Amino acid sequence: MTDTEKIAALQQAVVAALNAAPLPLGVKALVLENALLRVQAAMQHPAPGAEEEDA
């Protein structure tokens, strides 16, 4: 599985979990925004050794 596929699967899982959660829409929006910002930050600054995991 490529990194792009992993990210897409993660995003789908987050959206599915948010849709299933009995939270106000505003809270869901904040959670989704936070998750997407974390993915973006991780893509810009990968953790040391993160690239070695796929090898």
PDB file of N, CA and C in Angstrom:
ATOM      1  N   MET A   1       0.852  -1.175   0.000  1.00  0.00           N
ATOM      2  CA  MET A   1       0.000   0.000   0.000  1.00  0.00           C
ATOM      3  C   MET A   1       0.900   1.242   0.000  1.00  0.00           C
ATOM      4  N   THR A   2       0.650   2.146  -0.920  1.00  0.00           N
ATOM      5  CA  THR A   2       1.458   3.359  -1.014  1.00  0.00           C
ATOM      6  C   THR A   2       1.048   4.350   0.072  1.00  0.00           C
ATOM      7  N   ASP A   3       1.884   5.359   0.268  1.00  0.00           N
ATOM      8  CA  ASP A   3       1.565   6.393   1.252  1.00  0.00           C
ATOM      9  C   ASP A   3       0.268   7.104   0.892  1.00  0.00           C
ATOM     10  N   THR A   4       0.064   7.355  -0.392  1.00  0.00           N
ATOM     11  CA  THR A   4      -1.156   8.023  -0.836  1.00  0.00           C
ATOM     12  C   THR A   4      -2.384   7.182  -0.507  1.00  0.00           C
ATOM     13  N   GLU A   5      -2.289   5.886  -0.711  1.00  0.00           N
ATOM     14  CA  GLU A   5      -3.406   4.991  -0.386  1.00  0.00           C
ATOM     15  C   GLU A   5      -3.652   4.946   1.119  1.00  0.00           C
ATOM     16  N   LYS A   6      -2.570   4.970   1.899  1.00  0.00           N
ATOM     17  CA  LYS A   6      -2.712   4.980   3.359  1.00  0.00           C
ATOM     18  C   LYS A   6      -3.410   6.253   3.828  1.00  0.00           C
ATOM     19  N   ILE A   7      -3.025   7.381   3.249  1.00  0.00           N
ATOM     20  CA  ILE A   7      -3.631   8.658   3.618  1.00  0.00           C
ATOM     21  C   ILE A   7      -5.106   8.675   3.237  1.00  0.00           C
ATOM     22  N   ALA A   8      -5.432   8.191   2.043  1.00  0.00           N
ATOM     23  CA  ALA A   8      -6.827   8.142   1.606  1.00  0.00           C
ATOM     24  C   ALA A   8      -7.654   7.246   2.518  1.00  0.00           C
ATOM     25  N   ALA A   9      -7.108   6.109   2.907  1.00  0.00           N
ATOM     26  CA  ALA A   9      -7.817   5.195   3.808  1.00  0.00           C
ATOM     27  C   ALA A   9      -8.015   5.834   5.177  1.00  0.00           C
ATOM     28  N   LEU A  10      -7.002   6.541   5.661  1.00  0.00           N
ATOM     29  CA  LEU A  10      -7.106   7.225   6.945  1.00  0.00           C
ATOM     30  C   LEU A  10      -8.190   8.295   6.900  1.00  0.00           C
ATOM     31  N   GLN A  11      -8.213   9.073   5.833  1.00  0.00           N
ATOM     32  CA  GLN A  11      -9.219  10.120   5.694  1.00  0.00           C
ATOM     33  C   GLN A  11     -10.622   9.525   5.636  1.00  0.00           C
ATOM     34  N   GLN A  12     -10.790   8.434   4.913  1.00  0.00           N
ATOM     35  CA  GLN A  12     -12.099   7.782   4.839  1.00  0.00           C
ATOM     36  C   GLN A  12     -12.525   7.250   6.197  1.00  0.00           C
ATOM     37  N   ALA A  13     -11.585   6.696   6.948  1.00  0.00           N
ATOM     38  CA  ALA A  13     -11.898   6.165   8.276  1.00  0.00           C
ATOM     39  C   ALA A  13     -12.295   7.284   9.235  1.00  0.00           C
ATOM     40  N   VAL A  14     -11.604   8.415   9.157  1.00  0.00           N
ATOM     41  CA  VAL A  14     -11.931   9.551  10.023  1.00  0.00           C
ATOM     42  C   VAL A  14     -13.322  10.079   9.696  1.00  0.00           C
ATOM     43  N   VAL A  15     -13.627  10.240   8.430  1.00  0.00           N
ATOM     44  CA  VAL A  15     -14.945  10.739   8.026  1.00  0.00           C
ATOM     45  C   VAL A  15     -16.041   9.764   8.445  1.00  0.00           C
ATOM     46  N   ALA A  16     -15.819   8.473   8.263  1.00  0.00           N
ATOM     47  CA  ALA A  16     -16.812   7.474   8.669  1.00  0.00           C
ATOM     48  C   ALA A  16     -17.038   7.509  10.176  1.00  0.00           C
ATOM     49  N   ALA A  17     -15.962   7.636  10.939  1.00  0.00           N
ATOM     50  CA  ALA A  17     -16.088   7.694  12.399  1.00  0.00           C
ATOM     51  C   ALA A  17     -16.824   8.953  12.834  1.00  0.00           C
ATOM     52  N   LEU A  18     -16.528  10.067  12.180  1.00  0.00           N
ATOM     53  CA  LEU A  18     -17.220  11.311  12.521  1.00  0.00           C
ATOM     54  C   LEU A  18     -18.700  11.241  12.179  1.00  0.00           C
ATOM     55  N   ASN A  19     -19.027  10.671  11.040  1.00  0.00           N
ATOM     56  CA  ASN A  19     -20.432  10.552  10.653  1.00  0.00           C
ATOM     57  C   ASN A  19     -21.204   9.675  11.627  1.00  0.00           C
ATOM     58  N   ALA A  20     -20.550   8.675  12.196  1.00  0.00           N
ATOM     59  CA  ALA A  20     -21.209   7.758  13.125  1.00  0.00           C
ATOM     60  C   ALA A  20     -21.303   8.331  14.540  1.00  0.00           C
ATOM     61  N   ALA A  21     -20.487   9.322  14.851  1.00  0.00           N
ATOM     62  CA  ALA A  21     -20.445   9.870  16.210  1.00  0.00           C
ATOM     63  C   ALA A  21     -21.614  10.827  16.449  1.00  0.00           C
ATOM     64  N   PRO A  22     -22.217  10.730  17.639  1.00  0.00           N
ATOM     65  CA  PRO A  22     -23.337  11.622  17.974  1.00  0.00           C
ATOM     66  C   PRO A  22     -22.833  12.966  18.515  1.00  0.00           C
ATOM     67  N   LEU A  23     -22.098  13.703  17.700  1.00  0.00           N
ATOM     68  CA  LEU A  23     -21.534  14.986  18.105  1.00  0.00           C
ATOM     69  C   LEU A  23     -22.182  16.109  17.307  1.00  0.00           C
ATOM     70  N   PRO A  24     -22.179  17.322  17.866  1.00  0.00           N
ATOM     71  CA  PRO A  24     -22.672  18.470  17.094  1.00  0.00           C
ATOM     72  C   PRO A  24     -21.819  18.675  15.843  1.00  0.00           C
ATOM     73  N   LEU A  25     -22.421  19.217  14.818  1.00  0.00           N
ATOM     74  CA  LEU A  25     -21.734  19.414  13.542  1.00  0.00           C
ATOM     75  C   LEU A  25     -20.484  20.278  13.693  1.00  0.00           C
ATOM     76  N   GLY A  26     -20.538  21.292  14.534  1.00  0.00           N
ATOM     77  CA  GLY A  26     -19.375  22.151  14.751  1.00  0.00           C
ATOM     78  C   GLY A  26     -18.192  21.389  15.318  1.00  0.00           C
ATOM     79  N   VAL A  27     -18.460  20.474  16.233  1.00  0.00           N
ATOM     80  CA  VAL A  27     -17.396  19.659  16.820  1.00  0.00           C
ATOM     81  C   VAL A  27     -16.817  18.732  15.761  1.00  0.00           C
ATOM     82  N   LYS A  28     -17.678  18.137  14.954  1.00  0.00           N
ATOM     83  CA  LYS A  28     -17.210  17.255  13.887  1.00  0.00           C
ATOM     84  C   LYS A  28     -16.303  18.017  12.921  1.00  0.00           C
ATOM     85  N   ALA A  29     -16.674  19.251  12.602  1.00  0.00           N
ATOM     86  CA  ALA A  29     -15.868  20.059  11.688  1.00  0.00           C
ATOM     87  C   ALA A  29     -14.488  20.334  12.280  1.00  0.00           C
ATOM     88  N   LEU A  30     -14.437  20.642  13.574  1.00  0.00           N
ATOM     89  CA  LEU A  30     -13.151  20.897  14.225  1.00  0.00           C
ATOM     90  C   LEU A  30     -12.272  19.650  14.252  1.00  0.00           C
ATOM     91  N   VAL A  31     -12.869  18.509  14.543  1.00  0.00           N
ATOM     92  CA  VAL A  31     -12.114  17.256  14.579  1.00  0.00           C
ATOM     93  C   VAL A  31     -11.559  16.932  13.197  1.00  0.00           C
ATOM     94  N   LEU A  32     -12.381  17.083  12.177  1.00  0.00           N
ATOM     95  CA  LEU A  32     -11.942  16.798  10.814  1.00  0.00           C
ATOM     96  C   LEU A  32     -10.824  17.745  10.390  1.00  0.00           C
ATOM     97  N   GLU A  33     -10.985  19.028  10.686  1.00  0.00           N
ATOM     98  CA  GLU A  33      -9.949  19.998  10.337  1.00  0.00           C
ATOM     99  C   GLU A  33      -8.638  19.665  11.047  1.00  0.00           C
ATOM    100  N   ASN A  34      -8.713  19.316  12.321  1.00  0.00           N
ATOM    101  CA  ASN A  34      -7.521  18.959  13.086  1.00  0.00           C
ATOM    102  C   ASN A  34      -6.830  17.741  12.485  1.00  0.00           C
ATOM    103  N   ALA A  35      -7.601  16.731  12.138  1.00  0.00           N
ATOM    104  CA  ALA A  35      -7.023  15.508  11.570  1.00  0.00           C
ATOM    105  C   ALA A  35      -6.335  15.797  10.237  1.00  0.00           C
ATOM    106  N   LEU A  36      -6.973  16.591   9.396  1.00  0.00           N
ATOM    107  CA  LEU A  36      -6.381  16.906   8.096  1.00  0.00           C
ATOM    108  C   LEU A  36      -5.119  17.754   8.248  1.00  0.00           C
ATOM    109  N   LEU A  37      -5.116  18.676   9.211  1.00  0.00           N
ATOM    110  CA  LEU A  37      -3.917  19.476   9.456  1.00  0.00           C
ATOM    111  C   LEU A  37      -2.772  18.610   9.965  1.00  0.00           C
ATOM    112  N   ARG A  38      -3.090  17.608  10.783  1.00  0.00           N
ATOM    113  CA  ARG A  38      -2.048  16.705  11.281  1.00  0.00           C
ATOM    114  C   ARG A  38      -1.455  15.872  10.142  1.00  0.00           C
ATOM    115  N   VAL A  39      -2.298  15.430   9.229  1.00  0.00           N
ATOM    116  CA  VAL A  39      -1.804  14.671   8.075  1.00  0.00           C
ATOM    117  C   VAL A  39      -0.901  15.560   7.228  1.00  0.00           C
ATOM    118  N   GLN A  40      -1.352  16.781   6.990  1.00  0.00           N
ATOM    119  CA  GLN A  40      -0.556  17.711   6.193  1.00  0.00           C
ATOM    120  C   GLN A  40       0.789  17.998   6.862  1.00  0.00           C
ATOM    121  N   ALA A  41       0.788  18.217   8.166  1.00  0.00           N
ATOM    122  CA  ALA A  41       2.033  18.484   8.889  1.00  0.00           C
ATOM    123  C   ALA A  41       2.955  17.270   8.848  1.00  0.00           C
ATOM    124  N   ALA A  42       2.394  16.088   8.986  1.00  0.00           N
ATOM    125  CA  ALA A  42       3.204  14.870   8.947  1.00  0.00           C
ATOM    126  C   ALA A  42       3.819  14.660   7.566  1.00  0.00           C
ATOM    127  N   MET A  43       3.103  15.062   6.529  1.00  0.00           N
ATOM    128  CA  MET A  43       3.640  14.921   5.177  1.00  0.00           C
ATOM    129  C   MET A  43       4.785  15.903   4.947  1.00  0.00           C
ATOM    130  N   GLN A  44       4.698  17.086   5.538  1.00  0.00           N
ATOM    131  CA  GLN A  44       5.741  18.094   5.361  1.00  0.00           C
ATOM    132  C   GLN A  44       6.967  17.804   6.212  1.00  0.00           C
ATOM    133  N   HIS A  45       6.750  17.218   7.394  1.00  0.00           N
ATOM    134  CA  HIS A  45       7.841  16.950   8.333  1.00  0.00           C
ATOM    135  C   HIS A  45       7.714  15.530   8.857  1.00  0.00           C
ATOM    136  N   PRO A  46       8.107  14.535   8.062  1.00  0.00           N
ATOM    137  CA  PRO A  46       7.970  13.139   8.511  1.00  0.00           C
ATOM    138  C   PRO A  46       8.832  12.856   9.731  1.00  0.00           C
ATOM    139  N   ALA A  47       8.359  11.960  10.558  1.00  0.00           N
ATOM    140  CA  ALA A  47       9.098  11.563  11.757  1.00  0.00           C
ATOM    141  C   ALA A  47      10.377  10.845  11.350  1.00  0.00           C
ATOM    142  N   PRO A  48      11.429  10.987  12.143  1.00  0.00           N
ATOM    143  CA  PRO A  48      12.674  10.270  11.830  1.00  0.00           C
ATOM    144  C   PRO A  48      12.438   8.763  11.776  1.00  0.00           C
ATOM    145  N   GLY A  49      12.911   8.142  10.718  1.00  0.00           N
ATOM    146  CA  GLY A  49      12.753   6.702  10.564  1.00  0.00           C
ATOM    147  C   GLY A  49      11.424   6.286   9.974  1.00  0.00           C
ATOM    148  N   ALA A  50      10.530   7.227   9.701  1.00  0.00           N
ATOM    149  CA  ALA A  50       9.208   6.884   9.174  1.00  0.00           C
ATOM    150  C   ALA A  50       9.306   6.260   7.788  1.00  0.00           C
ATOM    151  N   GLU A  51      10.268   6.699   6.997  1.00  0.00           N
ATOM    152  CA  GLU A  51      10.406   6.173   5.646  1.00  0.00           C
ATOM    153  C   GLU A  51      10.952   4.758   5.647  1.00  0.00           C
ATOM    154  N   GLU A  52      11.631   4.373   6.707  1.00  0.00           N
ATOM    155  CA  GLU A  52      12.216   3.041   6.786  1.00  0.00           C
ATOM    156  C   GLU A  52      11.164   1.974   7.056  1.00  0.00           C
ATOM    157  N   GLU A  53      10.001   2.358   7.602  1.00  0.00           N
ATOM    158  CA  GLU A  53       8.963   1.393   7.942  1.00  0.00           C
ATOM    159  C   GLU A  53       8.412   0.685   6.715  1.00  0.00           C
ATOM    160  N   ASP A  54       8.344   1.383   5.586  1.00  0.00           N
ATOM    161  CA  ASP A  54       7.773   0.807   4.371  1.00  0.00           C
ATOM    162  C   ASP A  54       8.741  -0.146   3.678  1.00  0.00           C
ATOM    163  N   ALA A  55      10.008  -0.046   3.985  1.00  0.00           N
ATOM    164  CA  ALA A  55      11.019  -0.863   3.296  1.00  0.00           C
ATOM    165  C   ALA A  55      10.937  -2.320   3.689  1.00  0.00           C
TER     166      ALA A  55
END
